[in-house]
Amino acid sequence: MNLHKFATNNNLTIIIFSIFLCSILGMSIAGWLNNNEVLTEHHQSQISYGSYVVSGEFIEGVFENWESEFLQMWALIMLTVYLRQKGSADSKPMRGKAPQDTSSRYSIIKATSWQSRSKALGHFFYSHSLGIAMLSLFIISFSLHALGGLEAYNEEARQHGSETATFFSFLSSSEFWYQSLQNWQSEFLAIGALLVLSVKLRERGSPESKPIGKKYDHKTGE
């Protein structure tokens, strides 16, 4: 494999995931140090870094953020199929069809053989694979957030001699939904801001922006 060509073709993804890895590593170290400070204050034994990164507290902290990210991306993907924002770089045009609106060549209803039905079904799932992938990642993150949060909640309850919670009682608790919704609101605010600000504002060279030379038309809103 030509590493230089690979790096050139994938440098955006490489940089994004490198930032992600540095961030989650920094988060884990800071969280571990802070957790041990709290344990010391309560006259309890400190834990190792390895024990911390598999603890409910760390899992909860990671996945409560991941769930909101995947939710907002899934929502943006699905809502932009049907809804529009006049003049926004992330919206399809108000009139006419976009390249993404092409119809499938295969139809399950009109298929005359199992082979053609199988091909039509495979094409159907592929044509919705991005939305399915993002929704699946949200569900996985949501579940791990709940499991990590339950473990962290019960660990704290045991330390204070309080009653522990079951999975479903924690899932329906105000604490769990406060954790989730405090992240959801910020993600949808960011999406809304991007949609609205990209109507008139520009960033030279970014595909998330309309071309610099394309002026905003007050009559059409494009």
Protein backbone atom coordinates (compact mmCIF):
# COMPACT_ATOMS: atom_id res chain seq x y z
CA MET A 1 0.00 0.00 0.00
CA ASN A 2 1.25 3.47 -0.89
CA LEU A 3 1.11 5.22 2.50
CA HIS A 4 1.62 8.68 1.03
CA LYS A 5 -1.29 8.19 -1.37
CA PHE A 6 -3.44 6.73 1.41
CA ALA A 7 -2.67 9.70 3.67
CA THR A 8 -3.40 12.16 0.88
CA ASN A 9 -6.72 10.52 0.02
CA ASN A 10 -7.83 10.26 3.65
CA ASN A 11 -6.12 13.18 5.44
CA LEU A 12 -9.39 14.75 6.62
CA THR A 13 -10.52 11.51 8.28
CA ILE A 14 -7.03 10.87 9.71
CA ILE A 15 -6.86 14.33 11.31
CA ILE A 16 -10.42 14.14 12.67
CA PHE A 17 -9.87 10.74 14.26
CA SER A 18 -6.46 11.79 15.56
CA ILE A 19 -8.10 14.73 17.36
CA PHE A 20 -10.74 12.34 18.66
CA LEU A 21 -8.15 9.89 20.02
CA CYS A 22 -6.15 12.68 21.68
CA SER A 23 -9.34 14.09 23.20
CA ILE A 24 -10.63 10.81 24.62
CA LEU A 25 -7.16 9.96 25.95
CA GLY A 26 -6.97 13.37 27.64
CA MET A 27 -10.50 12.93 28.98
CA SER A 28 -9.66 9.52 30.44
CA ILE A 29 -6.49 10.78 32.17
CA ALA A 30 -8.18 13.90 33.55
CA GLY A 31 -11.17 11.84 34.69
CA TRP A 32 -8.95 9.26 36.35
CA LEU A 33 -6.97 11.91 38.25
CA ASN A 34 -10.14 13.71 39.32
CA ASN A 35 -11.77 10.45 40.41
CA ASN A 36 -8.76 9.56 42.57
CA GLU A 37 -8.80 13.03 44.12
CA VAL A 38 -12.43 12.48 45.12
CA LEU A 39 -11.62 9.01 46.51
CA THR A 40 -8.76 10.47 48.55
CA GLU A 41 -11.05 13.17 49.97
CA HIS A 42 -13.44 10.41 51.10
CA HIS A 43 -10.55 8.39 52.60
CA GLN A 44 -10.92 5.59 50.05
CA SER A 45 -8.28 3.71 48.07
CA GLN A 46 -7.32 5.09 44.69
CA ILE A 47 -7.92 2.97 41.58
CA SER A 48 -5.66 2.21 38.63
CA TYR A 49 -6.06 3.84 35.23
CA GLY A 50 -7.16 0.51 33.74
CA SER A 51 -9.89 0.13 36.35
CA TYR A 52 -11.11 3.66 35.73
CA VAL A 53 -11.53 3.33 31.94
CA VAL A 54 -13.84 0.33 32.40
CA SER A 55 -15.76 1.96 35.24
CA GLY A 56 -19.35 3.10 35.01
CA GLU A 57 -18.34 6.73 35.51
CA PHE A 58 -16.05 6.79 32.48
CA ILE A 59 -18.40 4.74 30.26
CA GLU A 60 -21.27 7.02 31.22
CA GLY A 61 -19.24 10.16 30.48
CA VAL A 62 -18.16 8.90 27.05
CA PHE A 63 -21.40 7.51 25.74
CA GLU A 64 -23.75 10.22 26.98
CA ASN A 65 -21.85 12.49 24.57
CA TRP A 66 -21.62 9.97 21.75
CA GLU A 67 -25.37 9.33 21.83
CA SER A 68 -26.16 13.01 21.26
CA GLU A 69 -23.66 13.26 18.39
CA PHE A 70 -25.06 10.25 16.55
CA LEU A 71 -28.63 11.35 17.25
CA GLN A 72 -28.10 14.81 15.76
CA MET A 73 -26.31 13.40 12.71
CA TRP A 74 -29.08 10.83 12.13
CA ALA A 75 -31.75 13.51 12.56
CA LEU A 76 -29.98 15.85 10.12
CA ILE A 77 -29.65 13.06 7.54
CA MET A 78 -33.30 12.04 7.81
CA LEU A 79 -34.90 15.49 8.14
CA THR A 80 -33.03 16.89 5.14
CA VAL A 81 -34.62 14.16 3.01
CA TYR A 82 -38.04 15.79 3.45
CA LEU A 83 -37.51 19.29 4.85
CA ARG A 84 -35.83 22.41 3.44
CA GLN A 85 -34.13 25.57 4.66
CA LYS A 86 -34.16 28.16 1.92
CA GLY A 87 -30.64 29.29 1.09
CA SER A 88 -28.81 26.89 3.43
CA ALA A 89 -25.76 25.02 2.17
CA ASP A 90 -26.96 21.85 3.93
CA SER A 91 -30.43 21.86 2.39
CA LYS A 92 -31.63 20.55 -0.94
CA PRO A 93 -33.00 23.23 -3.30
CA MET A 94 -36.53 24.46 -2.73
CA ARG A 95 -37.60 23.44 -6.23
CA GLY A 96 -36.66 20.56 -8.45
CA LYS A 97 -34.94 17.30 -7.69
CA ALA A 98 -31.48 16.85 -6.22
CA PRO A 99 -29.07 14.07 -7.32
CA GLN A 100 -29.87 12.24 -4.06
CA ASP A 101 -33.53 11.90 -5.10
CA THR A 102 -32.95 9.35 -7.85
CA SER A 103 -35.32 6.37 -7.75
CA SER A 104 -34.17 2.78 -7.39
CA ARG A 105 -34.01 0.62 -10.51
CA TYR A 106 -35.22 -2.34 -8.46
CA SER A 107 -38.71 -2.91 -7.06
CA ILE A 108 -39.62 -5.60 -4.53
CA ILE A 109 -43.28 -5.37 -5.54
CA LYS A 110 -42.60 -5.78 -9.25
CA ALA A 111 -39.90 -8.42 -8.81
CA THR A 112 -40.68 -11.66 -10.62
CA SER A 113 -38.09 -13.96 -9.02
CA TRP A 114 -36.37 -14.51 -5.68
CA GLN A 115 -33.12 -13.34 -7.20
CA SER A 116 -34.62 -10.04 -8.28
CA ARG A 117 -36.39 -9.67 -4.90
CA SER A 118 -33.10 -10.28 -3.10
CA LYS A 119 -31.37 -7.70 -5.29
CA ALA A 120 -34.17 -5.19 -4.68
CA LEU A 121 -34.05 -5.77 -0.92
CA GLY A 122 -30.27 -5.38 -0.86
CA HIS A 123 -30.52 -2.17 -2.86
CA PHE A 124 -33.23 -0.87 -0.51
CA PHE A 125 -31.02 -1.36 2.57
CA TYR A 126 -27.99 0.10 0.79
CA SER A 127 -30.00 3.17 -0.25
CA HIS A 128 -30.78 3.78 3.44
CA SER A 129 -27.51 2.45 4.87
CA LEU A 130 -26.20 5.82 6.11
CA GLY A 131 -29.32 6.51 8.15
CA ILE A 132 -29.40 2.93 9.46
CA ALA A 133 -25.74 3.12 10.49
CA MET A 134 -26.18 6.41 12.37
CA LEU A 135 -29.36 5.21 14.08
CA SER A 136 -27.63 1.98 15.11
CA LEU A 137 -24.67 3.90 16.56
CA PHE A 138 -27.11 6.10 18.49
CA ILE A 139 -28.94 3.09 19.94
CA ILE A 140 -25.66 1.41 20.95
CA SER A 141 -24.36 4.62 22.55
CA PHE A 142 -27.69 5.26 24.30
CA SER A 143 -27.66 1.73 25.74
CA LEU A 144 -24.03 1.96 26.91
CA HIS A 145 -24.74 5.36 28.46
CA ALA A 146 -27.60 3.79 30.42
CA LEU A 147 -25.51 0.79 31.51
CA GLY A 148 -22.52 2.92 32.50
CA GLY A 149 -24.75 5.41 34.28
CA LEU A 150 -26.48 2.61 36.18
CA GLU A 151 -23.14 1.22 37.36
CA ALA A 152 -21.91 4.67 38.41
CA TYR A 153 -25.20 5.42 40.20
CA ASN A 154 -25.17 2.13 42.07
CA GLU A 155 -21.50 2.48 43.03
CA GLU A 156 -22.21 5.87 44.59
CA ALA A 157 -25.32 4.47 46.28
CA ARG A 158 -23.30 1.63 47.84
CA GLN A 159 -20.69 4.10 49.10
CA HIS A 160 -23.40 6.11 50.85
CA GLY A 161 -25.42 3.10 52.01
CA SER A 162 -28.35 4.07 49.78
CA GLU A 163 -30.68 1.83 47.79
CA THR A 164 -29.37 0.74 44.38
CA ALA A 165 -31.39 1.03 41.16
CA THR A 166 -32.42 -1.46 38.50
CA PHE A 167 -31.73 -0.82 34.81
CA PHE A 168 -35.27 0.28 34.02
CA SER A 169 -35.68 2.40 37.13
CA PHE A 170 -32.47 4.26 36.25
CA LEU A 171 -33.57 4.54 32.60
CA SER A 172 -36.76 6.28 33.71
CA SER A 173 -35.03 8.51 36.27
CA SER A 174 -34.74 12.27 35.98
CA GLU A 175 -30.96 12.00 36.41
CA PHE A 176 -30.55 9.88 33.29
CA TRP A 177 -32.73 12.12 31.14
CA TYR A 178 -31.06 15.26 32.47
CA GLN A 179 -27.72 13.82 31.32
CA SER A 180 -29.12 12.99 27.89
CA LEU A 181 -31.12 16.12 27.22
CA GLN A 182 -28.36 18.51 28.32
CA ASN A 183 -26.32 17.12 25.41
CA TRP A 184 -29.17 16.79 22.92
CA GLN A 185 -30.17 20.44 23.25
CA SER A 186 -26.65 21.68 22.52
CA GLU A 187 -26.27 19.43 19.44
CA PHE A 188 -29.54 20.57 17.87
CA LEU A 189 -28.70 24.19 18.67
CA ALA A 190 -25.41 23.76 16.77
CA ILE A 191 -27.16 22.19 13.76
CA GLY A 192 -29.80 24.92 13.71
CA ALA A 193 -27.13 27.62 13.91
CA LEU A 194 -25.20 26.08 11.00
CA LEU A 195 -28.33 25.81 8.85
CA VAL A 196 -29.32 29.42 9.44
CA LEU A 197 -25.86 31.01 9.38
CA SER A 198 -24.87 29.24 6.15
CA VAL A 199 -27.69 31.08 4.35
CA LYS A 200 -25.75 34.36 4.28
CA LEU A 201 -22.31 33.62 5.72
CA ARG A 202 -19.42 31.95 3.87
CA GLU A 203 -16.18 30.11 4.59
CA ARG A 204 -13.84 30.09 1.62
CA GLY A 205 -12.84 26.56 0.58
CA SER A 206 -15.29 24.68 2.80
CA PRO A 207 -17.92 22.38 1.22
CA GLU A 208 -20.17 23.28 4.16
CA SER A 209 -20.37 26.80 2.70
CA LYS A 210 -21.86 28.09 -0.52
CA PRO A 211 -19.33 29.60 -2.97
CA ILE A 212 -17.97 33.03 -2.03
CA GLY A 213 -19.01 34.46 -5.38
CA LYS A 214 -22.61 33.33 -4.99
CA LYS A 215 -24.39 36.30 -3.46
CA TYR A 216 -27.49 35.95 -1.36
CA ASP A 217 -30.63 36.69 -3.35
CA HIS A 218 -33.15 38.46 -1.11
CA LYS A 219 -36.00 37.73 -3.52
CA THR A 220 -35.56 33.98 -3.81
CA GLY A 221 -33.72 33.39 -0.53
CA GLU A 222 -31.08 31.32 -2.35
